[in-house]
Amino acid sequence: MGSHLDVWLDYITIRINPIDKVKIEKFEHIKSYELPSYYQNIIKKKLS
């Protein structure tokens, strides 16, 4: 494995303009992935 490990897939809509600068308009969580067994020890608390 390299330094990048995907554990989720999200879509984020961001609007950038000169007045308001940056605004997150929409956040949508699409999918979660399980961590590989050799990374399970880094989980501090399971999410419900």
Protein backbone atom coordinates (compact mmCIF):
# COMPACT_ATOMS: atom_id res chain seq x y z
CA MET A 1 0.00 0.00 0.00
CA GLY A 2 1.03 3.54 -0.63
CA SER A 3 0.26 6.60 1.43
CA HIS A 4 -3.29 6.87 0.04
CA LEU A 5 -6.06 4.60 1.29
CA ASP A 6 -9.68 5.24 0.22
CA VAL A 7 -12.18 4.68 3.04
CA TRP A 8 -15.11 6.67 1.66
CA LEU A 9 -16.56 8.24 -1.47
CA ASP A 10 -18.16 11.70 -1.22
CA TYR A 11 -19.46 14.32 -3.65
CA ILE A 12 -18.88 17.94 -2.66
CA THR A 13 -20.28 20.92 -4.58
CA ILE A 14 -18.20 24.06 -3.98
CA ARG A 15 -18.98 27.57 -5.24
CA ILE A 16 -16.11 30.02 -5.60
CA ASN A 17 -16.72 33.72 -6.27
CA PRO A 18 -14.87 37.00 -5.56
CA ILE A 19 -17.40 38.24 -2.98
CA ASP A 20 -18.08 35.27 -0.69
CA LYS A 21 -14.84 33.46 -1.55
CA VAL A 22 -15.52 29.72 -1.07
CA LYS A 23 -18.82 28.15 -0.05
CA ILE A 24 -19.69 24.46 0.27
CA GLU A 25 -23.13 24.18 -1.28
CA LYS A 26 -23.72 20.46 -0.99
CA PHE A 27 -22.08 17.48 0.67
CA GLU A 28 -23.24 13.96 -0.16
CA HIS A 29 -21.74 10.81 1.35
CA ILE A 30 -21.94 8.05 -1.26
CA LYS A 31 -20.15 5.00 0.09
CA SER A 32 -17.92 3.78 2.94
CA TYR A 33 -15.27 1.10 2.61
CA GLU A 34 -13.89 -1.20 5.31
CA LEU A 35 -10.31 -0.70 6.38
CA PRO A 36 -7.98 -3.58 5.51
CA SER A 37 -7.34 -5.95 8.42
CA TYR A 38 -3.80 -4.63 8.90
CA TYR A 39 -5.23 -1.14 9.64
CA GLN A 40 -8.05 -2.23 11.99
CA ASN A 41 -5.88 -1.41 15.02
CA ILE A 42 -6.04 2.34 14.25
CA ILE A 43 -9.81 2.48 14.88
CA LYS A 44 -10.34 4.17 18.25
CA LYS A 45 -14.15 3.88 18.37
CA LYS A 46 -16.59 2.20 15.99
CA LEU A 47 -19.19 4.49 14.46
CA SER A 48 -22.82 3.41 14.62
